[in-house]
PDB file of N, CA and C in Angstrom:
ATOM      1  N   MET A   1       9.763 -55.727  40.262  1.00  0.00           N
ATOM      2  CA  MET A   1       8.837 -54.821  40.920  1.00  0.00           C
ATOM      3  C   MET A   1       9.103 -53.398  40.451  1.00  0.00           C
ATOM      4  N   SER A   2       8.061 -52.647  40.251  1.00  0.00           N
ATOM      5  CA  SER A   2       8.217 -51.281  39.755  1.00  0.00           C
ATOM      6  C   SER A   2       8.610 -50.323  40.882  1.00  0.00           C
ATOM      7  N   LYS A   3       9.288 -49.261  40.484  1.00  0.00           N
ATOM      8  CA  LYS A   3       9.727 -48.245  41.438  1.00  0.00           C
ATOM      9  C   LYS A   3       8.603 -47.249  41.671  1.00  0.00           C
ATOM     10  N   PRO A   4       8.487 -46.747  42.901  1.00  0.00           N
ATOM     11  CA  PRO A   4       7.477 -45.711  43.151  1.00  0.00           C
ATOM     12  C   PRO A   4       7.787 -44.459  42.333  1.00  0.00           C
ATOM     13  N   ILE A   5       6.768 -43.784  41.929  1.00  0.00           N
ATOM     14  CA  ILE A   5       6.942 -42.587  41.114  1.00  0.00           C
ATOM     15  C   ILE A   5       7.744 -41.523  41.852  1.00  0.00           C
ATOM     16  N   GLU A   6       7.645 -41.515  43.178  1.00  0.00           N
ATOM     17  CA  GLU A   6       8.387 -40.544  43.984  1.00  0.00           C
ATOM     18  C   GLU A   6       9.886 -40.807  44.003  1.00  0.00           C
ATOM     19  N   SER A   7      10.325 -41.938  43.464  1.00  0.00           N
ATOM     20  CA  SER A   7      11.759 -42.226  43.421  1.00  0.00           C
ATOM     21  C   SER A   7      12.473 -41.388  42.358  1.00  0.00           C
ATOM     22  N   LEU A   8      11.712 -40.764  41.471  1.00  0.00           N
ATOM     23  CA  LEU A   8      12.298 -39.916  40.436  1.00  0.00           C
ATOM     24  C   LEU A   8      12.539 -38.510  40.974  1.00  0.00           C
ATOM     25  N   PRO A   9      13.558 -37.827  40.443  1.00  0.00           N
ATOM     26  CA  PRO A   9      13.769 -36.444  40.869  1.00  0.00           C
ATOM     27  C   PRO A   9      12.560 -35.586  40.511  1.00  0.00           C
ATOM     28  N   ASN A  10      12.300 -34.583  41.292  1.00  0.00           N
ATOM     29  CA  ASN A  10      11.242 -33.583  41.063  1.00  0.00           C
ATOM     30  C   ASN A  10       9.838 -34.052  41.418  1.00  0.00           C
ATOM     31  N   ILE A  11       9.659 -35.300  41.784  1.00  0.00           N
ATOM     32  CA  ILE A  11       8.305 -35.808  42.039  1.00  0.00           C
ATOM     33  C   ILE A  11       8.058 -35.858  43.545  1.00  0.00           C
ATOM     34  N   GLY A  12       7.307 -34.882  44.017  1.00  0.00           N
ATOM     35  CA  GLY A  12       6.923 -34.833  45.415  1.00  0.00           C
ATOM     36  C   GLY A  12       5.532 -35.408  45.594  1.00  0.00           C
ATOM     37  N   PRO A  13       5.014 -35.353  46.812  1.00  0.00           N
ATOM     38  CA  PRO A  13       3.709 -35.961  47.102  1.00  0.00           C
ATOM     39  C   PRO A  13       2.550 -35.389  46.275  1.00  0.00           C
ATOM     40  N   GLU A  14       2.535 -34.085  46.070  1.00  0.00           N
ATOM     41  CA  GLU A  14       1.424 -33.476  45.325  1.00  0.00           C
ATOM     42  C   GLU A  14       1.440 -33.893  43.854  1.00  0.00           C
ATOM     43  N   LEU A  15       2.605 -33.812  43.234  1.00  0.00           N
ATOM     44  CA  LEU A  15       2.702 -34.221  41.833  1.00  0.00           C
ATOM     45  C   LEU A  15       2.458 -35.717  41.692  1.00  0.00           C
ATOM     46  N   ALA A  16       2.962 -36.508  42.628  1.00  0.00           N
ATOM     47  CA  ALA A  16       2.726 -37.960  42.582  1.00  0.00           C
ATOM     48  C   ALA A  16       1.233 -38.272  42.644  1.00  0.00           C
ATOM     49  N   ALA A  17       0.508 -37.562  43.499  1.00  0.00           N
ATOM     50  CA  ALA A  17      -0.939 -37.782  43.608  1.00  0.00           C
ATOM     51  C   ALA A  17      -1.638 -37.423  42.299  1.00  0.00           C
ATOM     52  N   SER A  18      -1.228 -36.320  41.684  1.00  0.00           N
ATOM     53  CA  SER A  18      -1.816 -35.922  40.401  1.00  0.00           C
ATOM     54  C   SER A  18      -1.515 -36.949  39.319  1.00  0.00           C
ATOM     55  N   LEU A  19      -0.288 -37.452  39.321  1.00  0.00           N
ATOM     56  CA  LEU A  19       0.080 -38.468  38.331  1.00  0.00           C
ATOM     57  C   LEU A  19      -0.752 -39.733  38.510  1.00  0.00           C
ATOM     58  N   ARG A  20      -0.918 -40.156  39.731  1.00  0.00           N
ATOM     59  CA  ARG A  20      -1.738 -41.354  39.983  1.00  0.00           C
ATOM     60  C   ARG A  20      -3.179 -41.124  39.527  1.00  0.00           C
ATOM     61  N   TYR A  21      -3.700 -39.947  39.798  1.00  0.00           N
ATOM     62  CA  TYR A  21      -5.056 -39.608  39.372  1.00  0.00           C
ATOM     63  C   TYR A  21      -5.178 -39.696  37.846  1.00  0.00           C
ATOM     64  N   ALA A  22      -4.104 -39.305  37.149  1.00  0.00           N
ATOM     65  CA  ALA A  22      -4.099 -39.344  35.687  1.00  0.00           C
ATOM     66  C   ALA A  22      -3.713 -40.713  35.144  1.00  0.00           C
ATOM     67  N   GLY A  23      -3.465 -41.681  36.028  1.00  0.00           N
ATOM     68  CA  GLY A  23      -3.207 -43.049  35.596  1.00  0.00           C
ATOM     69  C   GLY A  23      -1.748 -43.445  35.454  1.00  0.00           C
ATOM     70  N   VAL A  24      -0.839 -42.586  35.881  1.00  0.00           N
ATOM     71  CA  VAL A  24       0.591 -42.899  35.820  1.00  0.00           C
ATOM     72  C   VAL A  24       1.006 -43.302  37.232  1.00  0.00           C
ATOM     73  N   THR A  25       1.330 -44.577  37.409  1.00  0.00           N
ATOM     74  CA  THR A  25       1.501 -45.092  38.769  1.00  0.00           C
ATOM     75  C   THR A  25       2.915 -45.518  39.144  1.00  0.00           C
ATOM     76  N   SER A  26       3.838 -45.515  38.190  1.00  0.00           N
ATOM     77  CA  SER A  26       5.197 -45.949  38.519  1.00  0.00           C
ATOM     78  C   SER A  26       6.230 -45.101  37.789  1.00  0.00           C
ATOM     79  N   ALA A  27       7.450 -45.127  38.302  1.00  0.00           N
ATOM     80  CA  ALA A  27       8.549 -44.410  37.664  1.00  0.00           C
ATOM     81  C   ALA A  27       8.767 -44.928  36.249  1.00  0.00           C
ATOM     82  N   GLU A  28       8.731 -46.221  36.073  1.00  0.00           N
ATOM     83  CA  GLU A  28       8.944 -46.826  34.763  1.00  0.00           C
ATOM     84  C   GLU A  28       7.891 -46.364  33.750  1.00  0.00           C
ATOM     85  N   GLU A  29       6.673 -46.235  34.215  1.00  0.00           N
ATOM     86  CA  GLU A  29       5.597 -45.805  33.326  1.00  0.00           C
ATOM     87  C   GLU A  29       5.799 -44.361  32.870  1.00  0.00           C
ATOM     88  N   LEU A  30       6.178 -43.491  33.792  1.00  0.00           N
ATOM     89  CA  LEU A  30       6.440 -42.107  33.421  1.00  0.00           C
ATOM     90  C   LEU A  30       7.568 -42.037  32.399  1.00  0.00           C
ATOM     91  N   ILE A  31       8.629 -42.761  32.633  1.00  0.00           N
ATOM     92  CA  ILE A  31       9.769 -42.761  31.715  1.00  0.00           C
ATOM     93  C   ILE A  31       9.362 -43.317  30.349  1.00  0.00           C
ATOM     94  N   ALA A  32       8.612 -44.406  30.338  1.00  0.00           N
ATOM     95  CA  ALA A  32       8.201 -45.031  29.074  1.00  0.00           C
ATOM     96  C   ALA A  32       7.273 -44.123  28.262  1.00  0.00           C
ATOM     97  N   LEU A  33       6.350 -43.465  28.939  1.00  0.00           N
ATOM     98  CA  LEU A  33       5.406 -42.587  28.250  1.00  0.00           C
ATOM     99  C   LEU A  33       6.065 -41.294  27.790  1.00  0.00           C
ATOM    100  N   GLY A  34       6.992 -40.807  28.590  1.00  0.00           N
ATOM    101  CA  GLY A  34       7.657 -39.538  28.291  1.00  0.00           C
ATOM    102  C   GLY A  34       6.936 -38.372  28.934  1.00  0.00           C
ATOM    103  N   ALA A  35       7.688 -37.337  29.206  1.00  0.00           N
ATOM    104  CA  ALA A  35       7.166 -36.178  29.927  1.00  0.00           C
ATOM    105  C   ALA A  35       6.022 -35.488  29.200  1.00  0.00           C
ATOM    106  N   ILE A  36       6.143 -35.343  27.897  1.00  0.00           N
ATOM    107  CA  ILE A  36       5.118 -34.612  27.153  1.00  0.00           C
ATOM    108  C   ILE A  36       3.796 -35.360  27.153  1.00  0.00           C
ATOM    109  N   ALA A  37       3.822 -36.647  26.935  1.00  0.00           N
ATOM    110  CA  ALA A  37       2.581 -37.429  26.954  1.00  0.00           C
ATOM    111  C   ALA A  37       1.944 -37.410  28.336  1.00  0.00           C
ATOM    112  N   VAL A  38       2.752 -37.499  29.366  1.00  0.00           N
ATOM    113  CA  VAL A  38       2.217 -37.471  30.726  1.00  0.00           C
ATOM    114  C   VAL A  38       1.657 -36.090  31.049  1.00  0.00           C
ATOM    115  N   TRP A  39       2.356 -35.036  30.633  1.00  0.00           N
ATOM    116  CA  TRP A  39       1.864 -33.672  30.857  1.00  0.00           C
ATOM    117  C   TRP A  39       0.517 -33.470  30.161  1.00  0.00           C
ATOM    118  N   ARG A  40       0.390 -33.987  28.946  1.00  0.00           N
ATOM    119  CA  ARG A  40      -0.894 -33.890  28.236  1.00  0.00           C
ATOM    120  C   ARG A  40      -2.009 -34.584  29.026  1.00  0.00           C
ATOM    121  N   ARG A  41      -1.691 -35.716  29.624  1.00  0.00           N
ATOM    122  CA  ARG A  41      -2.693 -36.403  30.460  1.00  0.00           C
ATOM    123  C   ARG A  41      -3.127 -35.519  31.616  1.00  0.00           C
ATOM    124  N   LEU A  42      -2.162 -34.883  32.246  1.00  0.00           N
ATOM    125  CA  LEU A  42      -2.479 -34.003  33.371  1.00  0.00           C
ATOM    126  C   LEU A  42      -3.335 -32.836  32.916  1.00  0.00           C
ATOM    127  N   VAL A  43      -3.012 -32.267  31.777  1.00  0.00           N
ATOM    128  CA  VAL A  43      -3.792 -31.147  31.238  1.00  0.00           C
ATOM    129  C   VAL A  43      -5.223 -31.596  30.958  1.00  0.00           C
ATOM    130  N   ARG A  44      -5.370 -32.740  30.289  1.00  0.00           N
ATOM    131  CA  ARG A  44      -6.719 -33.253  29.975  1.00  0.00           C
ATOM    132  C   ARG A  44      -7.515 -33.559  31.234  1.00  0.00           C
ATOM    133  N   ALA A  45      -6.828 -33.935  32.303  1.00  0.00           N
ATOM    134  CA  ALA A  45      -7.500 -34.230  33.571  1.00  0.00           C
ATOM    135  C   ALA A  45      -7.768 -32.963  34.379  1.00  0.00           C
ATOM    136  N   GLY A  46      -7.326 -31.814  33.861  1.00  0.00           N
ATOM    137  CA  GLY A  46      -7.533 -30.547  34.564  1.00  0.00           C
ATOM    138  C   GLY A  46      -6.549 -30.322  35.699  1.00  0.00           C
ATOM    139  N   LEU A  47      -5.377 -30.951  35.611  1.00  0.00           N
ATOM    140  CA  LEU A  47      -4.377 -30.863  36.672  1.00  0.00           C
ATOM    141  C   LEU A  47      -3.075 -30.272  36.146  1.00  0.00           C
ATOM    142  N   LEU A  48      -2.467 -29.389  36.877  1.00  0.00           N
ATOM    143  CA  LEU A  48      -1.092 -28.937  36.650  1.00  0.00           C
ATOM    144  C   LEU A  48      -0.765 -28.651  35.201  1.00  0.00           C
ATOM    145  N   ALA A  49      -1.446 -27.717  34.603  1.00  0.00           N
ATOM    146  CA  ALA A  49      -1.221 -27.406  33.197  1.00  0.00           C
ATOM    147  C   ALA A  49      -0.170 -26.317  32.992  1.00  0.00           C
ATOM    148  N   ASP A  50       0.625 -26.026  34.004  1.00  0.00           N
ATOM    149  CA  ASP A  50       1.602 -24.954  33.877  1.00  0.00           C
ATOM    150  C   ASP A  50       2.941 -25.461  33.344  1.00  0.00           C
ATOM    151  N   ILE A  51       3.778 -24.524  32.943  1.00  0.00           N
ATOM    152  CA  ILE A  51       5.083 -24.882  32.383  1.00  0.00           C
ATOM    153  C   ILE A  51       5.971 -25.532  33.434  1.00  0.00           C
ATOM    154  N   GLN A  52       5.842 -25.108  34.675  1.00  0.00           N
ATOM    155  CA  GLN A  52       6.668 -25.683  35.745  1.00  0.00           C
ATOM    156  C   GLN A  52       6.438 -27.189  35.863  1.00  0.00           C
ATOM    157  N   SER A  53       5.198 -27.628  35.751  1.00  0.00           N
ATOM    158  CA  SER A  53       4.932 -29.066  35.851  1.00  0.00           C
ATOM    159  C   SER A  53       5.553 -29.816  34.675  1.00  0.00           C
ATOM    160  N   LEU A  54       5.618 -29.187  33.507  1.00  0.00           N
ATOM    161  CA  LEU A  54       6.273 -29.819  32.360  1.00  0.00           C
ATOM    162  C   LEU A  54       7.775 -29.938  32.605  1.00  0.00           C
ATOM    163  N   TYR A  55       8.377 -28.897  33.179  1.00  0.00           N
ATOM    164  CA  TYR A  55       9.803 -28.969  33.544  1.00  0.00           C
ATOM    165  C   TYR A  55      10.045 -30.102  34.540  1.00  0.00           C
ATOM    166  N   LEU A  56       9.191 -30.188  35.549  1.00  0.00           N
ATOM    167  CA  LEU A  56       9.352 -31.231  36.569  1.00  0.00           C
ATOM    168  C   LEU A  56       9.289 -32.620  35.948  1.00  0.00           C
ATOM    169  N   LEU A  57       8.312 -32.831  35.091  1.00  0.00           N
ATOM    170  CA  LEU A  57       8.140 -34.142  34.459  1.00  0.00           C
ATOM    171  C   LEU A  57       9.286 -34.469  33.515  1.00  0.00           C
ATOM    172  N   ASP A  58       9.720 -33.489  32.742  1.00  0.00           N
ATOM    173  CA  ASP A  58      10.810 -33.737  31.817  1.00  0.00           C
ATOM    174  C   ASP A  58      12.095 -34.070  32.571  1.00  0.00           C
ATOM    175  N   GLY A  59      12.355 -33.339  33.635  1.00  0.00           N
ATOM    176  CA  GLY A  59      13.518 -33.641  34.459  1.00  0.00           C
ATOM    177  C   GLY A  59      13.412 -35.023  35.090  1.00  0.00           C
ATOM    178  N   ALA A  60      12.230 -35.351  35.582  1.00  0.00           N
ATOM    179  CA  ALA A  60      12.028 -36.663  36.203  1.00  0.00           C
ATOM    180  C   ALA A  60      12.282 -37.783  35.200  1.00  0.00           C
ATOM    181  N   ALA A  61      11.735 -37.641  33.999  1.00  0.00           N
ATOM    182  CA  ALA A  61      11.910 -38.672  32.974  1.00  0.00           C
ATOM    183  C   ALA A  61      13.363 -38.781  32.518  1.00  0.00           C
ATOM    184  N   SER A  62      14.109 -37.679  32.643  1.00  0.00           N
ATOM    185  CA  SER A  62      15.513 -37.652  32.230  1.00  0.00           C
ATOM    186  C   SER A  62      16.476 -37.932  33.371  1.00  0.00           C
ATOM    187  N   GLY A  63      15.944 -37.974  34.588  1.00  0.00           N
ATOM    188  CA  GLY A  63      16.793 -38.246  35.746  1.00  0.00           C
ATOM    189  C   GLY A  63      17.567 -37.049  36.260  1.00  0.00           C
ATOM    190  N   VAL A  64      17.074 -35.830  35.972  1.00  0.00           N
ATOM    191  CA  VAL A  64      17.746 -34.625  36.457  1.00  0.00           C
ATOM    192  C   VAL A  64      16.760 -33.712  37.163  1.00  0.00           C
ATOM    193  N   ARG A  65      17.288 -32.906  38.074  1.00  0.00           N
ATOM    194  CA  ARG A  65      16.448 -31.907  38.726  1.00  0.00           C
ATOM    195  C   ARG A  65      16.079 -30.847  37.696  1.00  0.00           C
ATOM    196  N   TRP A  66      14.871 -30.330  37.788  1.00  0.00           N
ATOM    197  CA  TRP A  66      14.396 -29.364  36.800  1.00  0.00           C
ATOM    198  C   TRP A  66      15.276 -28.117  36.746  1.00  0.00           C
ATOM    199  N   ASP A  67      15.830 -27.709  37.882  1.00  0.00           N
ATOM    200  CA  ASP A  67      16.631 -26.492  37.906  1.00  0.00           C
ATOM    201  C   ASP A  67      18.041 -26.715  37.348  1.00  0.00           C
ATOM    202  N   GLU A  68      18.371 -27.942  36.989  1.00  0.00           N
ATOM    203  CA  GLU A  68      19.649 -28.244  36.354  1.00  0.00           C
ATOM    204  C   GLU A  68      19.495 -28.493  34.856  1.00  0.00           C
ATOM    205  N   MET A  69      18.276 -28.352  34.351  1.00  0.00           N
ATOM    206  CA  MET A  69      18.030 -28.521  32.920  1.00  0.00           C
ATOM    207  C   MET A  69      18.651 -27.353  32.162  1.00  0.00           C
ATOM    208  N   SER A  70      19.038 -27.599  30.938  1.00  0.00           N
ATOM    209  CA  SER A  70      19.628 -26.535  30.129  1.00  0.00           C
ATOM    210  C   SER A  70      18.568 -25.491  29.764  1.00  0.00           C
ATOM    211  N   PHE A  71      19.046 -24.294  29.550  1.00  0.00           N
ATOM    212  CA  PHE A  71      18.166 -23.214  29.110  1.00  0.00           C
ATOM    213  C   PHE A  71      17.497 -23.598  27.796  1.00  0.00           C
ATOM    214  N   GLN A  72      18.251 -24.222  26.920  1.00  0.00           N
ATOM    215  CA  GLN A  72      17.725 -24.634  25.620  1.00  0.00           C
ATOM    216  C   GLN A  72      16.560 -25.610  25.779  1.00  0.00           C
ATOM    217  N   ARG A  73      16.725 -26.595  26.661  1.00  0.00           N
ATOM    218  CA  ARG A  73      15.635 -27.570  26.858  1.00  0.00           C
ATOM    219  C   ARG A  73      14.403 -26.885  27.432  1.00  0.00           C
ATOM    220  N   LYS A  74      14.596 -25.979  28.371  1.00  0.00           N
ATOM    221  CA  LYS A  74      13.453 -25.251  28.937  1.00  0.00           C
ATOM    222  C   LYS A  74      12.744 -24.441  27.850  1.00  0.00           C
ATOM    223  N   GLN A  75      13.504 -23.836  26.956  1.00  0.00           N
ATOM    224  CA  GLN A  75      12.902 -23.081  25.855  1.00  0.00           C
ATOM    225  C   GLN A  75      12.099 -23.998  24.935  1.00  0.00           C
ATOM    226  N   GLU A  76      12.637 -25.166  24.632  1.00  0.00           N
ATOM    227  CA  GLU A  76      11.926 -26.132  23.790  1.00  0.00           C
ATOM    228  C   GLU A  76      10.598 -26.526  24.435  1.00  0.00           C
ATOM    229  N   LEU A  77      10.640 -26.805  25.718  1.00  0.00           N
ATOM    230  CA  LEU A  77       9.423 -27.191  26.434  1.00  0.00           C
ATOM    231  C   LEU A  77       8.422 -26.047  26.479  1.00  0.00           C
ATOM    232  N   ARG A  78       8.913 -24.837  26.707  1.00  0.00           N
ATOM    233  CA  ARG A  78       8.036 -23.661  26.737  1.00  0.00           C
ATOM    234  C   ARG A  78       7.358 -23.479  25.378  1.00  0.00           C
ATOM    235  N   GLN A  79       8.121 -23.609  24.287  1.00  0.00           N
ATOM    236  CA  GLN A  79       7.541 -23.478  22.952  1.00  0.00           C
ATOM    237  C   GLN A  79       6.479 -24.542  22.704  1.00  0.00           C
ATOM    238  N   PHE A  80       6.756 -25.765  23.143  1.00  0.00           N
ATOM    239  CA  PHE A  80       5.767 -26.827  23.000  1.00  0.00           C
ATOM    240  C   PHE A  80       4.485 -26.479  23.765  1.00  0.00           C
ATOM    241  N   ALA A  81       4.633 -26.038  25.015  1.00  0.00           N
ATOM    242  CA  ALA A  81       3.472 -25.749  25.858  1.00  0.00           C
ATOM    243  C   ALA A  81       2.632 -24.619  25.262  1.00  0.00           C
ATOM    244  N   VAL A  82       3.277 -23.586  24.737  1.00  0.00           N
ATOM    245  CA  VAL A  82       2.546 -22.489  24.112  1.00  0.00           C
ATOM    246  C   VAL A  82       1.797 -22.984  22.891  1.00  0.00           C
ATOM    247  N   ALA A  83       2.474 -23.737  22.036  1.00  0.00           N
ATOM    248  CA  ALA A  83       1.822 -24.277  20.840  1.00  0.00           C
ATOM    249  C   ALA A  83       0.655 -25.188  21.217  1.00  0.00           C
ATOM    250  N   TYR A  84       0.861 -26.010  22.223  1.00  0.00           N
ATOM    251  CA  TYR A  84      -0.199 -26.925  22.669  1.00  0.00           C
ATOM    252  C   TYR A  84      -1.410 -26.146  23.168  1.00  0.00           C
ATOM    253  N   SER A  85      -1.157 -25.095  23.938  1.00  0.00           N
ATOM    254  CA  SER A  85      -2.272 -24.296  24.477  1.00  0.00           C
ATOM    255  C   SER A  85      -3.024 -23.559  23.378  1.00  0.00           C
ATOM    256  N   GLN A  86      -2.362 -23.327  22.249  1.00  0.00           N
ATOM    257  CA  GLN A  86      -2.999 -22.648  21.117  1.00  0.00           C
ATOM    258  C   GLN A  86      -3.597 -23.624  20.116  1.00  0.00           C
ATOM    259  N   GLY A  87      -3.506 -24.917  20.431  1.00  0.00           N
ATOM    260  CA  GLY A  87      -4.092 -25.927  19.570  1.00  0.00           C
ATOM    261  C   GLY A  87      -3.275 -26.253  18.332  1.00  0.00           C
ATOM    262  N   VAL A  88      -2.008 -25.911  18.360  1.00  0.00           N
ATOM    263  CA  VAL A  88      -1.139 -26.175  17.202  1.00  0.00           C
ATOM    264  C   VAL A  88      -0.630 -27.592  17.240  1.00  0.00           C
TER     265      VAL A  88
END
């Protein structure tokens, strides 16, 4: 049986609802797809296109709270999000 998406760190009721709307329904699915692919789904669906949501998803997929992520990882994610928003 699959684990609820809320069983992952950083995933509260609002983000869980957005994930379900975008078609991600379980913790295993989020982990398998990866944070970046899931974030892209949210962006395409018009939901949570900010950097904070990318941090939350990346932490969830990695099993860590977003505020415990390394500065380096946050910078990598920020660079990705900027490039993505510019169509790179």
